[in-house]
Amino acid sequence: MVDFAGQKASEYLYYGICVFSGIVAWFIGWVQKDFSIAVKVWAGGLAVAIVMCVPDWSIYNKKPVTWLKEVGSTETVEPTVSSHKKKEKKEKKEKKEKKETKEKKQEKKEKPE
């Protein structure tokens, strides 16, 4: 299995090989004045890129990802509310309490004793 750093390296290598083979193919095609040679050279570069980048080579797995342990199939995991949502709920509750407190103080001021 390829790790994330390996994916990035593989992608950059693929792009590099494709661009390099395209430049070389264009130059060879221009010198030979034959477009079919350019296409064949570029296709050869593409084949090299695919062989080097698509298979799961061990050089692309130097920093393996550590995954969470498997949850048993009989266990159910309850969804949790994110801390952001908890914070929003808390802020709404505090705002409501402040408003109620303010209203009570205002009612006391308006009531003559």
PDB file of N, CA and C in Angstrom:
ATOM      1  N   MET A   1       0.843  -1.174   0.000  1.00  0.00           N
ATOM      2  CA  MET A   1       0.000   0.000   0.000  1.00  0.00           C
ATOM      3  C   MET A   1       0.893   1.243   0.000  1.00  0.00           C
ATOM      4  N   VAL A   2       0.565   2.206  -0.819  1.00  0.00           N
ATOM      5  CA  VAL A   2       1.356   3.426  -0.949  1.00  0.00           C
ATOM      6  C   VAL A   2       0.893   4.433   0.099  1.00  0.00           C
ATOM      7  N   ASP A   3       1.873   5.068   0.772  1.00  0.00           N
ATOM      8  CA  ASP A   3       1.511   6.101   1.741  1.00  0.00           C
ATOM      9  C   ASP A   3       1.323   7.438   1.024  1.00  0.00           C
ATOM     10  N   PHE A   4       0.922   8.464   1.791  1.00  0.00           N
ATOM     11  CA  PHE A   4       0.616   9.751   1.186  1.00  0.00           C
ATOM     12  C   PHE A   4       1.853  10.424   0.598  1.00  0.00           C
ATOM     13  N   ALA A   5       2.982  10.347   1.285  1.00  0.00           N
ATOM     14  CA  ALA A   5       4.222  10.918   0.761  1.00  0.00           C
ATOM     15  C   ALA A   5       4.645  10.178  -0.511  1.00  0.00           C
ATOM     16  N   GLY A   6       4.449   8.873  -0.537  1.00  0.00           N
ATOM     17  CA  GLY A   6       4.762   8.084  -1.720  1.00  0.00           C
ATOM     18  C   GLY A   6       3.864   8.432  -2.897  1.00  0.00           C
ATOM     19  N   GLN A   7       2.591   8.716  -2.605  1.00  0.00           N
ATOM     20  CA  GLN A   7       1.669   9.130  -3.663  1.00  0.00           C
ATOM     21  C   GLN A   7       2.134  10.432  -4.297  1.00  0.00           C
ATOM     22  N   LYS A   8       2.531  11.354  -3.443  1.00  0.00           N
ATOM     23  CA  LYS A   8       2.995  12.650  -3.927  1.00  0.00           C
ATOM     24  C   LYS A   8       4.247  12.484  -4.787  1.00  0.00           C
ATOM     25  N   ALA A   9       5.210  11.689  -4.306  1.00  0.00           N
ATOM     26  CA  ALA A   9       6.444  11.454  -5.056  1.00  0.00           C
ATOM     27  C   ALA A   9       6.147  10.771  -6.388  1.00  0.00           C
ATOM     28  N   SER A  10       5.252   9.792  -6.365  1.00  0.00           N
ATOM     29  CA  SER A  10       4.887   9.073  -7.582  1.00  0.00           C
ATOM     30  C   SER A  10       4.229  10.005  -8.594  1.00  0.00           C
ATOM     31  N   GLU A  11       3.377  10.880  -8.116  1.00  0.00           N
ATOM     32  CA  GLU A  11       2.692  11.819  -9.010  1.00  0.00           C
ATOM     33  C   GLU A  11       3.692  12.786  -9.651  1.00  0.00           C
ATOM     34  N   TYR A  12       4.600  13.337  -8.847  1.00  0.00           N
ATOM     35  CA  TYR A  12       5.607  14.250  -9.395  1.00  0.00           C
ATOM     36  C   TYR A  12       6.520  13.538 -10.388  1.00  0.00           C
ATOM     37  N   LEU A  13       6.888  12.311 -10.088  1.00  0.00           N
ATOM     38  CA  LEU A  13       7.727  11.537 -11.007  1.00  0.00           C
ATOM     39  C   LEU A  13       6.980  11.302 -12.323  1.00  0.00           C
ATOM     40  N   TYR A  14       5.712  10.962 -12.224  1.00  0.00           N
ATOM     41  CA  TYR A  14       4.894  10.734 -13.416  1.00  0.00           C
ATOM     42  C   TYR A  14       4.836  11.992 -14.284  1.00  0.00           C
ATOM     43  N   TYR A  15       4.536  13.135 -13.648  1.00  0.00           N
ATOM     44  CA  TYR A  15       4.481  14.384 -14.402  1.00  0.00           C
ATOM     45  C   TYR A  15       5.836  14.703 -15.037  1.00  0.00           C
ATOM     46  N   GLY A  16       6.899  14.518 -14.279  1.00  0.00           N
ATOM     47  CA  GLY A  16       8.234  14.805 -14.788  1.00  0.00           C
ATOM     48  C   GLY A  16       8.585  13.958 -16.000  1.00  0.00           C
ATOM     49  N   ILE A  17       8.311  12.667 -15.908  1.00  0.00           N
ATOM     50  CA  ILE A  17       8.621  11.761 -17.025  1.00  0.00           C
ATOM     51  C   ILE A  17       7.776  12.117 -18.251  1.00  0.00           C
ATOM     52  N   CYS A  18       6.490  12.404 -18.047  1.00  0.00           N
ATOM     53  CA  CYS A  18       5.621  12.746 -19.180  1.00  0.00           C
ATOM     54  C   CYS A  18       6.068  14.042 -19.860  1.00  0.00           C
ATOM     55  N   VAL A  19       6.393  15.051 -19.070  1.00  0.00           N
ATOM     56  CA  VAL A  19       6.831  16.322 -19.645  1.00  0.00           C
ATOM     57  C   VAL A  19       8.171  16.135 -20.357  1.00  0.00           C
ATOM     58  N   PHE A  20       9.110  15.467 -19.691  1.00  0.00           N
ATOM     59  CA  PHE A  20      10.427  15.241 -20.294  1.00  0.00           C
ATOM     60  C   PHE A  20      10.309  14.460 -21.598  1.00  0.00           C
ATOM     61  N   SER A  21       9.522  13.388 -21.590  1.00  0.00           N
ATOM     62  CA  SER A  21       9.378  12.591 -22.818  1.00  0.00           C
ATOM     63  C   SER A  21       8.662  13.390 -23.901  1.00  0.00           C
ATOM     64  N   GLY A  22       7.752  14.260 -23.509  1.00  0.00           N
ATOM     65  CA  GLY A  22       7.077  15.113 -24.486  1.00  0.00           C
ATOM     66  C   GLY A  22       8.040  16.086 -25.150  1.00  0.00           C
ATOM     67  N   ILE A  23       8.917  16.682 -24.341  1.00  0.00           N
ATOM     68  CA  ILE A  23       9.907  17.618 -24.890  1.00  0.00           C
ATOM     69  C   ILE A  23      10.875  16.883 -25.813  1.00  0.00           C
ATOM     70  N   VAL A  24      11.374  15.738 -25.358  1.00  0.00           N
ATOM     71  CA  VAL A  24      12.295  14.948 -26.180  1.00  0.00           C
ATOM     72  C   VAL A  24      11.592  14.492 -27.462  1.00  0.00           C
ATOM     73  N   ALA A  25      10.354  14.049 -27.345  1.00  0.00           N
ATOM     74  CA  ALA A  25       9.605  13.578 -28.515  1.00  0.00           C
ATOM     75  C   ALA A  25       9.397  14.712 -29.507  1.00  0.00           C
ATOM     76  N   TRP A  26       9.053  15.897 -29.000  1.00  0.00           N
ATOM     77  CA  TRP A  26       8.858  17.032 -29.892  1.00  0.00           C
ATOM     78  C   TRP A  26      10.151  17.362 -30.636  1.00  0.00           C
ATOM     79  N   PHE A  27      11.277  17.372 -29.901  1.00  0.00           N
ATOM     80  CA  PHE A  27      12.563  17.685 -30.514  1.00  0.00           C
ATOM     81  C   PHE A  27      12.939  16.645 -31.583  1.00  0.00           C
ATOM     82  N   ILE A  28      12.791  15.367 -31.258  1.00  0.00           N
ATOM     83  CA  ILE A  28      13.116  14.303 -32.225  1.00  0.00           C
ATOM     84  C   ILE A  28      12.198  14.390 -33.448  1.00  0.00           C
ATOM     85  N   GLY A  29      10.912  14.635 -33.211  1.00  0.00           N
ATOM     86  CA  GLY A  29       9.969  14.784 -34.320  1.00  0.00           C
ATOM     87  C   GLY A  29      10.307  15.972 -35.192  1.00  0.00           C
ATOM     88  N   TRP A  30      10.754  17.060 -34.573  1.00  0.00           N
ATOM     89  CA  TRP A  30      11.119  18.266 -35.317  1.00  0.00           C
ATOM     90  C   TRP A  30      12.373  18.026 -36.171  1.00  0.00           C
ATOM     91  N   VAL A  31      13.368  17.351 -35.559  1.00  0.00           N
ATOM     92  CA  VAL A  31      14.603  17.058 -36.291  1.00  0.00           C
ATOM     93  C   VAL A  31      14.319  16.098 -37.456  1.00  0.00           C
ATOM     94  N   GLN A  32      13.537  15.056 -37.211  1.00  0.00           N
ATOM     95  CA  GLN A  32      13.232  14.054 -38.234  1.00  0.00           C
ATOM     96  C   GLN A  32      12.122  14.512 -39.193  1.00  0.00           C
ATOM     97  N   LYS A  33      11.430  15.586 -38.819  1.00  0.00           N
ATOM     98  CA  LYS A  33      10.293  16.111 -39.583  1.00  0.00           C
ATOM     99  C   LYS A  33       9.223  15.037 -39.798  1.00  0.00           C
ATOM    100  N   ASP A  34       8.958  14.302 -38.697  1.00  0.00           N
ATOM    101  CA  ASP A  34       7.976  13.219 -38.759  1.00  0.00           C
ATOM    102  C   ASP A  34       7.193  13.187 -37.446  1.00  0.00           C
ATOM    103  N   PHE A  35       5.921  13.498 -37.543  1.00  0.00           N
ATOM    104  CA  PHE A  35       5.075  13.552 -36.348  1.00  0.00           C
ATOM    105  C   PHE A  35       4.869  12.168 -35.734  1.00  0.00           C
ATOM    106  N   SER A  36       4.821  11.127 -36.536  1.00  0.00           N
ATOM    107  CA  SER A  36       4.578   9.779 -36.012  1.00  0.00           C
ATOM    108  C   SER A  36       5.732   9.326 -35.099  1.00  0.00           C
ATOM    109  N   ILE A  37       6.947   9.732 -35.417  1.00  0.00           N
ATOM    110  CA  ILE A  37       8.081   9.400 -34.538  1.00  0.00           C
ATOM    111  C   ILE A  37       7.914  10.106 -33.194  1.00  0.00           C
ATOM    112  N   ALA A  38       7.476  11.364 -33.232  1.00  0.00           N
ATOM    113  CA  ALA A  38       7.250  12.120 -31.994  1.00  0.00           C
ATOM    114  C   ALA A  38       6.212  11.422 -31.120  1.00  0.00           C
ATOM    115  N   VAL A  39       5.141  10.958 -31.729  1.00  0.00           N
ATOM    116  CA  VAL A  39       4.082  10.277 -30.978  1.00  0.00           C
ATOM    117  C   VAL A  39       4.610   8.974 -30.390  1.00  0.00           C
ATOM    118  N   LYS A  40       5.402   8.239 -31.148  1.00  0.00           N
ATOM    119  CA  LYS A  40       5.944   6.966 -30.662  1.00  0.00           C
ATOM    120  C   LYS A  40       6.916   7.186 -29.500  1.00  0.00           C
ATOM    121  N   VAL A  41       7.780   8.199 -29.599  1.00  0.00           N
ATOM    122  CA  VAL A  41       8.724   8.489 -28.502  1.00  0.00           C
ATOM    123  C   VAL A  41       7.954   8.911 -27.256  1.00  0.00           C
ATOM    124  N   TRP A  42       6.941   9.758 -27.445  1.00  0.00           N
ATOM    125  CA  TRP A  42       6.137  10.189 -26.292  1.00  0.00           C
ATOM    126  C   TRP A  42       5.391   9.007 -25.675  1.00  0.00           C
ATOM    127  N   ALA A  43       4.855   8.115 -26.506  1.00  0.00           N
ATOM    128  CA  ALA A  43       4.153   6.926 -25.999  1.00  0.00           C
ATOM    129  C   ALA A  43       5.120   6.024 -25.225  1.00  0.00           C
ATOM    130  N   GLY A  44       6.350   5.926 -25.701  1.00  0.00           N
ATOM    131  CA  GLY A  44       7.361   5.151 -24.961  1.00  0.00           C
ATOM    132  C   GLY A  44       7.638   5.764 -23.590  1.00  0.00           C
ATOM    133  N   GLY A  45       7.735   7.085 -23.537  1.00  0.00           N
ATOM    134  CA  GLY A  45       7.921   7.776 -22.254  1.00  0.00           C
ATOM    135  C   GLY A  45       6.744   7.577 -21.331  1.00  0.00           C
ATOM    136  N   LEU A  46       5.551   7.601 -21.894  1.00  0.00           N
ATOM    137  CA  LEU A  46       4.344   7.369 -21.102  1.00  0.00           C
ATOM    138  C   LEU A  46       4.334   5.949 -20.541  1.00  0.00           C
ATOM    139  N   ALA A  47       4.763   4.978 -21.355  1.00  0.00           N
ATOM    140  CA  ALA A  47       4.829   3.587 -20.881  1.00  0.00           C
ATOM    141  C   ALA A  47       5.832   3.451 -19.741  1.00  0.00           C
ATOM    142  N   VAL A  48       6.967   4.114 -19.856  1.00  0.00           N
ATOM    143  CA  VAL A  48       7.971   4.091 -18.776  1.00  0.00           C
ATOM    144  C   VAL A  48       7.382   4.714 -17.508  1.00  0.00           C
ATOM    145  N   ALA A  49       6.682   5.835 -17.666  1.00  0.00           N
ATOM    146  CA  ALA A  49       6.075   6.509 -16.513  1.00  0.00           C
ATOM    147  C   ALA A  49       5.054   5.613 -15.828  1.00  0.00           C
ATOM    148  N   ILE A  50       4.259   4.910 -16.618  1.00  0.00           N
ATOM    149  CA  ILE A  50       3.238   4.023 -16.046  1.00  0.00           C
ATOM    150  C   ILE A  50       3.897   2.873 -15.287  1.00  0.00           C
ATOM    151  N   VAL A  51       4.932   2.291 -15.862  1.00  0.00           N
ATOM    152  CA  VAL A  51       5.622   1.175 -15.203  1.00  0.00           C
ATOM    153  C   VAL A  51       6.278   1.639 -13.902  1.00  0.00           C
ATOM    154  N   MET A  52       6.796   2.856 -13.888  1.00  0.00           N
ATOM    155  CA  MET A  52       7.492   3.347 -12.698  1.00  0.00           C
ATOM    156  C   MET A  52       6.549   3.861 -11.617  1.00  0.00           C
ATOM    157  N   CYS A  53       5.368   4.335 -12.002  1.00  0.00           N
ATOM    158  CA  CYS A  53       4.516   5.032 -11.038  1.00  0.00           C
ATOM    159  C   CYS A  53       3.246   4.294 -10.630  1.00  0.00           C
ATOM    160  N   VAL A  54       2.712   3.448 -11.462  1.00  0.00           N
ATOM    161  CA  VAL A  54       1.434   2.817 -11.139  1.00  0.00           C
ATOM    162  C   VAL A  54       1.560   1.643 -10.165  1.00  0.00           C
ATOM    163  N   PRO A  55       2.508   0.711 -10.336  1.00  0.00           N
ATOM    164  CA  PRO A  55       2.583  -0.407  -9.387  1.00  0.00           C
ATOM    165  C   PRO A  55       2.935   0.051  -7.972  1.00  0.00           C
ATOM    166  N   ASP A  56       2.616  -0.790  -7.033  1.00  0.00           N
ATOM    167  CA  ASP A  56       2.858  -0.494  -5.615  1.00  0.00           C
ATOM    168  C   ASP A  56       4.303  -0.863  -5.247  1.00  0.00           C
ATOM    169  N   TRP A  57       5.249  -0.033  -5.660  1.00  0.00           N
ATOM    170  CA  TRP A  57       6.658  -0.287  -5.355  1.00  0.00           C
ATOM    171  C   TRP A  57       6.935   0.045  -3.898  1.00  0.00           C
ATOM    172  N   SER A  58       7.893  -0.656  -3.305  1.00  0.00           N
ATOM    173  CA  SER A  58       8.211  -0.427  -1.887  1.00  0.00           C
ATOM    174  C   SER A  58       8.848   0.942  -1.640  1.00  0.00           C
ATOM    175  N   ILE A  59       9.408   1.564  -2.655  1.00  0.00           N
ATOM    176  CA  ILE A  59      10.001   2.898  -2.457  1.00  0.00           C
ATOM    177  C   ILE A  59       8.934   3.949  -2.168  1.00  0.00           C
ATOM    178  N   TYR A  60       7.689   3.659  -2.490  1.00  0.00           N
ATOM    179  CA  TYR A  60       6.604   4.601  -2.228  1.00  0.00           C
ATOM    180  C   TYR A  60       5.918   4.359  -0.885  1.00  0.00           C
ATOM    181  N   ASN A  61       6.472   3.462  -0.064  1.00  0.00           N
ATOM    182  CA  ASN A  61       5.854   3.160   1.227  1.00  0.00           C
ATOM    183  C   ASN A  61       6.885   3.262   2.350  1.00  0.00           C
ATOM    184  N   LYS A  62       7.598   4.380   2.402  1.00  0.00           N
ATOM    185  CA  LYS A  62       8.612   4.569   3.438  1.00  0.00           C
ATOM    186  C   LYS A  62       8.024   5.131   4.733  1.00  0.00           C
ATOM    187  N   LYS A  63       6.879   5.775   4.650  1.00  0.00           N
ATOM    188  CA  LYS A  63       6.217   6.345   5.827  1.00  0.00           C
ATOM    189  C   LYS A  63       4.791   5.810   5.901  1.00  0.00           C
ATOM    190  N   PRO A  64       4.626   4.551   6.317  1.00  0.00           N
ATOM    191  CA  PRO A  64       3.278   3.966   6.298  1.00  0.00           C
ATOM    192  C   PRO A  64       2.314   4.670   7.261  1.00  0.00           C
ATOM    193  N   VAL A  65       1.076   4.653   6.891  1.00  0.00           N
ATOM    194  CA  VAL A  65       0.029   5.271   7.690  1.00  0.00           C
ATOM    195  C   VAL A  65      -0.403   4.305   8.784  1.00  0.00           C
ATOM    196  N   THR A  66      -0.516   4.797  10.015  1.00  0.00           N
ATOM    197  CA  THR A  66      -1.029   3.947  11.095  1.00  0.00           C
ATOM    198  C   THR A  66      -2.533   4.189  11.193  1.00  0.00           C
ATOM    199  N   TRP A  67      -3.280   3.129  11.008  1.00  0.00           N
ATOM    200  CA  TRP A  67      -4.734   3.218  11.007  1.00  0.00           C
ATOM    201  C   TRP A  67      -5.275   2.923  12.395  1.00  0.00           C
ATOM    202  N   LEU A  68      -6.504   3.322  12.634  1.00  0.00           N
ATOM    203  CA  LEU A  68      -7.169   3.017  13.899  1.00  0.00           C
ATOM    204  C   LEU A  68      -7.455   1.527  13.965  1.00  0.00           C
ATOM    205  N   LYS A  69      -7.577   1.028  15.178  1.00  0.00           N
ATOM    206  CA  LYS A  69      -7.909  -0.386  15.335  1.00  0.00           C
ATOM    207  C   LYS A  69      -9.328  -0.629  14.851  1.00  0.00           C
ATOM    208  N   GLU A  70      -9.564  -1.848  14.389  1.00  0.00           N
ATOM    209  CA  GLU A  70     -10.865  -2.204  13.857  1.00  0.00           C
ATOM    210  C   GLU A  70     -11.884  -2.282  14.991  1.00  0.00           C
ATOM    211  N   VAL A  71     -13.046  -1.758  14.730  1.00  0.00           N
ATOM    212  CA  VAL A  71     -14.140  -1.822  15.689  1.00  0.00           C
ATOM    213  C   VAL A  71     -14.877  -3.127  15.432  1.00  0.00           C
ATOM    214  N   GLY A  72     -15.212  -3.836  16.506  1.00  0.00           N
ATOM    215  CA  GLY A  72     -15.932  -5.103  16.341  1.00  0.00           C
ATOM    216  C   GLY A  72     -17.230  -4.909  15.590  1.00  0.00           C
ATOM    217  N   SER A  73     -17.636  -5.898  14.846  1.00  0.00           N
ATOM    218  CA  SER A  73     -18.829  -5.767  14.015  1.00  0.00           C
ATOM    219  C   SER A  73     -20.108  -5.699  14.849  1.00  0.00           C
ATOM    220  N   THR A  74     -20.071  -6.207  16.101  1.00  0.00           N
ATOM    221  CA  THR A  74     -21.272  -6.171  16.934  1.00  0.00           C
ATOM    222  C   THR A  74     -21.406  -4.835  17.650  1.00  0.00           C
ATOM    223  N   GLU A  75     -20.321  -4.103  17.762  1.00  0.00           N
ATOM    224  CA  GLU A  75     -20.374  -2.809  18.441  1.00  0.00           C
ATOM    225  C   GLU A  75     -20.936  -1.753  17.503  1.00  0.00           C
ATOM    226  N   THR A  76     -21.706  -0.837  18.079  1.00  0.00           N
ATOM    227  CA  THR A  76     -22.177   0.292  17.294  1.00  0.00           C
ATOM    228  C   THR A  76     -21.491   1.543  17.816  1.00  0.00           C
ATOM    229  N   VAL A  77     -21.137   2.387  16.930  1.00  0.00           N
ATOM    230  CA  VAL A  77     -20.473   3.631  17.301  1.00  0.00           C
ATOM    231  C   VAL A  77     -21.490   4.744  17.215  1.00  0.00           C
ATOM    232  N   GLU A  78     -21.679   5.443  18.322  1.00  0.00           N
ATOM    233  CA  GLU A  78     -22.614   6.550  18.356  1.00  0.00           C
ATOM    234  C   GLU A  78     -21.947   7.778  17.764  1.00  0.00           C
ATOM    235  N   PRO A  79     -22.659   8.505  16.926  1.00  0.00           N
ATOM    236  CA  PRO A  79     -22.072   9.725  16.379  1.00  0.00           C
ATOM    237  C   PRO A  79     -21.886  10.754  17.485  1.00  0.00           C
ATOM    238  N   THR A  80     -20.817  11.480  17.406  1.00  0.00           N
ATOM    239  CA  THR A  80     -20.538  12.502  18.409  1.00  0.00           C
ATOM    240  C   THR A  80     -20.726  13.878  17.796  1.00  0.00           C
ATOM    241  N   VAL A  81     -21.090  14.801  18.641  1.00  0.00           N
ATOM    242  CA  VAL A  81     -21.248  16.179  18.200  1.00  0.00           C
ATOM    243  C   VAL A  81     -19.868  16.812  18.230  1.00  0.00           C
ATOM    244  N   SER A  82     -19.532  17.490  17.176  1.00  0.00           N
ATOM    245  CA  SER A  82     -18.202  18.097  17.123  1.00  0.00           C
ATOM    246  C   SER A  82     -18.078  19.200  18.160  1.00  0.00           C
ATOM    247  N   SER A  83     -16.871  19.517  18.529  1.00  0.00           N
ATOM    248  CA  SER A  83     -16.637  20.537  19.554  1.00  0.00           C
ATOM    249  C   SER A  83     -17.150  21.890  19.085  1.00  0.00           C
ATOM    250  N   HIS A  84     -17.146  22.124  17.784  1.00  0.00           N
ATOM    251  CA  HIS A  84     -17.649  23.386  17.255  1.00  0.00           C
ATOM    252  C   HIS A  84     -19.145  23.519  17.529  1.00  0.00           C
ATOM    253  N   LYS A  85     -19.877  22.432  17.294  1.00  0.00           N
ATOM    254  CA  LYS A  85     -21.319  22.461  17.543  1.00  0.00           C
ATOM    255  C   LYS A  85     -21.605  22.595  19.037  1.00  0.00           C
ATOM    256  N   LYS A  86     -20.791  21.919  19.858  1.00  0.00           N
ATOM    257  CA  LYS A  86     -20.974  22.042  21.303  1.00  0.00           C
ATOM    258  C   LYS A  86     -20.769  23.491  21.740  1.00  0.00           C
ATOM    259  N   LYS A  87     -19.759  24.122  21.168  1.00  0.00           N
ATOM    260  CA  LYS A  87     -19.464  25.512  21.505  1.00  0.00           C
ATOM    261  C   LYS A  87     -20.625  26.411  21.103  1.00  0.00           C
ATOM    262  N   GLU A  88     -21.186  26.169  19.912  1.00  0.00           N
ATOM    263  CA  GLU A  88     -22.322  26.964  19.454  1.00  0.00           C
ATOM    264  C   GLU A  88     -23.512  26.807  20.393  1.00  0.00           C
ATOM    265  N   LYS A  89     -23.789  25.564  20.800  1.00  0.00           N
ATOM    266  CA  LYS A  89     -24.907  25.318  21.714  1.00  0.00           C
ATOM    267  C   LYS A  89     -24.683  26.041  23.039  1.00  0.00           C
ATOM    268  N   LYS A  90     -23.451  25.966  23.547  1.00  0.00           N
ATOM    269  CA  LYS A  90     -23.124  26.610  24.815  1.00  0.00           C
ATOM    270  C   LYS A  90     -23.308  28.126  24.701  1.00  0.00           C
ATOM    271  N   GLU A  91     -22.844  28.706  23.602  1.00  0.00           N
ATOM    272  CA  GLU A  91     -22.980  30.150  23.402  1.00  0.00           C
ATOM    273  C   GLU A  91     -24.440  30.563  23.315  1.00  0.00           C
ATOM    274  N   LYS A  92     -25.261  29.770  22.607  1.00  0.00           N
ATOM    275  CA  LYS A  92     -26.689  30.071  22.513  1.00  0.00           C
ATOM    276  C   LYS A  92     -27.352  30.017  23.885  1.00  0.00           C
ATOM    277  N   LYS A  93     -26.969  28.993  24.647  1.00  0.00           N
ATOM    278  CA  LYS A  93     -27.547  28.839  25.983  1.00  0.00           C
ATOM    279  C   LYS A  93     -27.171  30.025  26.861  1.00  0.00           C
ATOM    280  N   GLU A  94     -25.908  30.430  26.845  1.00  0.00           N
ATOM    281  CA  GLU A  94     -25.452  31.570  27.642  1.00  0.00           C
ATOM    282  C   GLU A  94     -26.143  32.856  27.211  1.00  0.00           C
ATOM    283  N   LYS A  95     -26.315  33.040  25.912  1.00  0.00           N
ATOM    284  CA  LYS A  95     -26.988  34.223  25.389  1.00  0.00           C
ATOM    285  C   LYS A  95     -28.437  34.266  25.875  1.00  0.00           C
ATOM    286  N   LYS A  96     -29.079  33.112  25.833  1.00  0.00           N
ATOM    287  CA  LYS A  96     -30.471  33.024  26.274  1.00  0.00           C
ATOM    288  C   LYS A  96     -30.583  33.345  27.762  1.00  0.00           C
ATOM    289  N   GLU A  97     -29.659  32.798  28.561  1.00  0.00           N
ATOM    290  CA  GLU A  97     -29.674  33.050  30.007  1.00  0.00           C
ATOM    291  C   GLU A  97     -29.443  34.531  30.303  1.00  0.00           C
ATOM    292  N   LYS A  98     -28.538  35.166  29.581  1.00  0.00           N
ATOM    293  CA  LYS A  98     -28.284  36.595  29.788  1.00  0.00           C
ATOM    294  C   LYS A  98     -29.515  37.419  29.441  1.00  0.00           C
ATOM    295  N   LYS A  99     -30.172  37.038  28.363  1.00  0.00           N
ATOM    296  CA  LYS A  99     -31.371  37.751  27.940  1.00  0.00           C
ATOM    297  C   LYS A  99     -32.465  37.616  28.992  1.00  0.00           C
ATOM    298  N   GLU A 100     -32.646  36.401  29.513  1.00  0.00           N
ATOM    299  CA  GLU A 100     -33.665  36.176  30.554  1.00  0.00           C
ATOM    300  C   GLU A 100     -33.340  36.962  31.815  1.00  0.00           C
ATOM    301  N   THR A 101     -32.074  36.975  32.187  1.00  0.00           N
ATOM    302  CA  THR A 101     -31.660  37.721  33.380  1.00  0.00           C
ATOM    303  C   THR A 101     -31.909  39.210  33.186  1.00  0.00           C
ATOM    304  N   LYS A 102     -31.602  39.715  32.024  1.00  0.00           N
ATOM    305  CA  LYS A 102     -31.810  41.126  31.720  1.00  0.00           C
ATOM    306  C   LYS A 102     -33.297  41.470  31.764  1.00  0.00           C
ATOM    307  N   GLU A 103     -34.136  40.577  31.222  1.00  0.00           N
ATOM    308  CA  GLU A 103     -35.580  40.802  31.237  1.00  0.00           C
ATOM    309  C   GLU A 103     -36.123  40.806  32.659  1.00  0.00           C
ATOM    310  N   LYS A 104     -35.623  39.922  33.498  1.00  0.00           N
ATOM    311  CA  LYS A 104     -36.077  39.868  34.899  1.00  0.00           C
ATOM    312  C   LYS A 104     -35.697  41.144  35.636  1.00  0.00           C
ATOM    313  N   LYS A 105     -34.491  41.638  35.403  1.00  0.00           N
ATOM    314  CA  LYS A 105     -34.054  42.889  36.048  1.00  0.00           C
ATOM    315  C   LYS A 105     -34.909  44.050  35.581  1.00  0.00           C
ATOM    316  N   GLN A 106     -35.250  44.071  34.308  1.00  0.00           N
ATOM    317  CA  GLN A 106     -36.063  45.146  33.766  1.00  0.00           C
ATOM    318  C   GLN A 106     -37.475  45.088  34.359  1.00  0.00           C
ATOM    319  N   GLU A 107     -38.024  43.879  34.526  1.00  0.00           N
ATOM    320  CA  GLU A 107     -39.350  43.718  35.118  1.00  0.00           C
ATOM    321  C   GLU A 107     -39.356  44.218  36.559  1.00  0.00           C
ATOM    322  N   LYS A 108     -38.294  43.947  37.301  1.00  0.00           N
ATOM    323  CA  LYS A 108     -38.208  44.402  38.682  1.00  0.00           C
ATOM    324  C   LYS A 108     -38.165  45.910  38.753  1.00  0.00           C
ATOM    325  N   LYS A 109     -37.497  46.568  37.810  1.00  0.00           N
ATOM    326  CA  LYS A 109     -37.417  48.017  37.798  1.00  0.00           C
ATOM    327  C   LYS A 109     -38.773  48.631  37.465  1.00  0.00           C
ATOM    328  N   GLU A 110     -39.520  47.979  36.594  1.00  0.00           N
ATOM    329  CA  GLU A 110     -40.815  48.508  36.180  1.00  0.00           C
ATOM    330  C   GLU A 110     -41.882  48.307  37.243  1.00  0.00           C
ATOM    331  N   LYS A 111     -41.780  47.303  38.087  1.00  0.00           N
ATOM    332  CA  LYS A 111     -42.757  47.028  39.138  1.00  0.00           C
ATOM    333  C   LYS A 111     -42.490  47.947  40.338  1.00  0.00           C
ATOM    334  N   PRO A 112     -43.437  48.787  40.661  1.00  0.00           N
ATOM    335  CA  PRO A 112     -43.254  49.556  41.898  1.00  0.00           C
ATOM    336  C   PRO A 112     -43.615  48.707  43.092  1.00  0.00           C
ATOM    337  N   GLU A 113     -42.856  48.833  44.126  1.00  0.00           N
ATOM    338  CA  GLU A 113     -43.116  48.007  45.317  1.00  0.00           C
ATOM    339  C   GLU A 113     -43.810  48.771  46.381  1.00  0.00           C
TER     340      GLU A 113
END
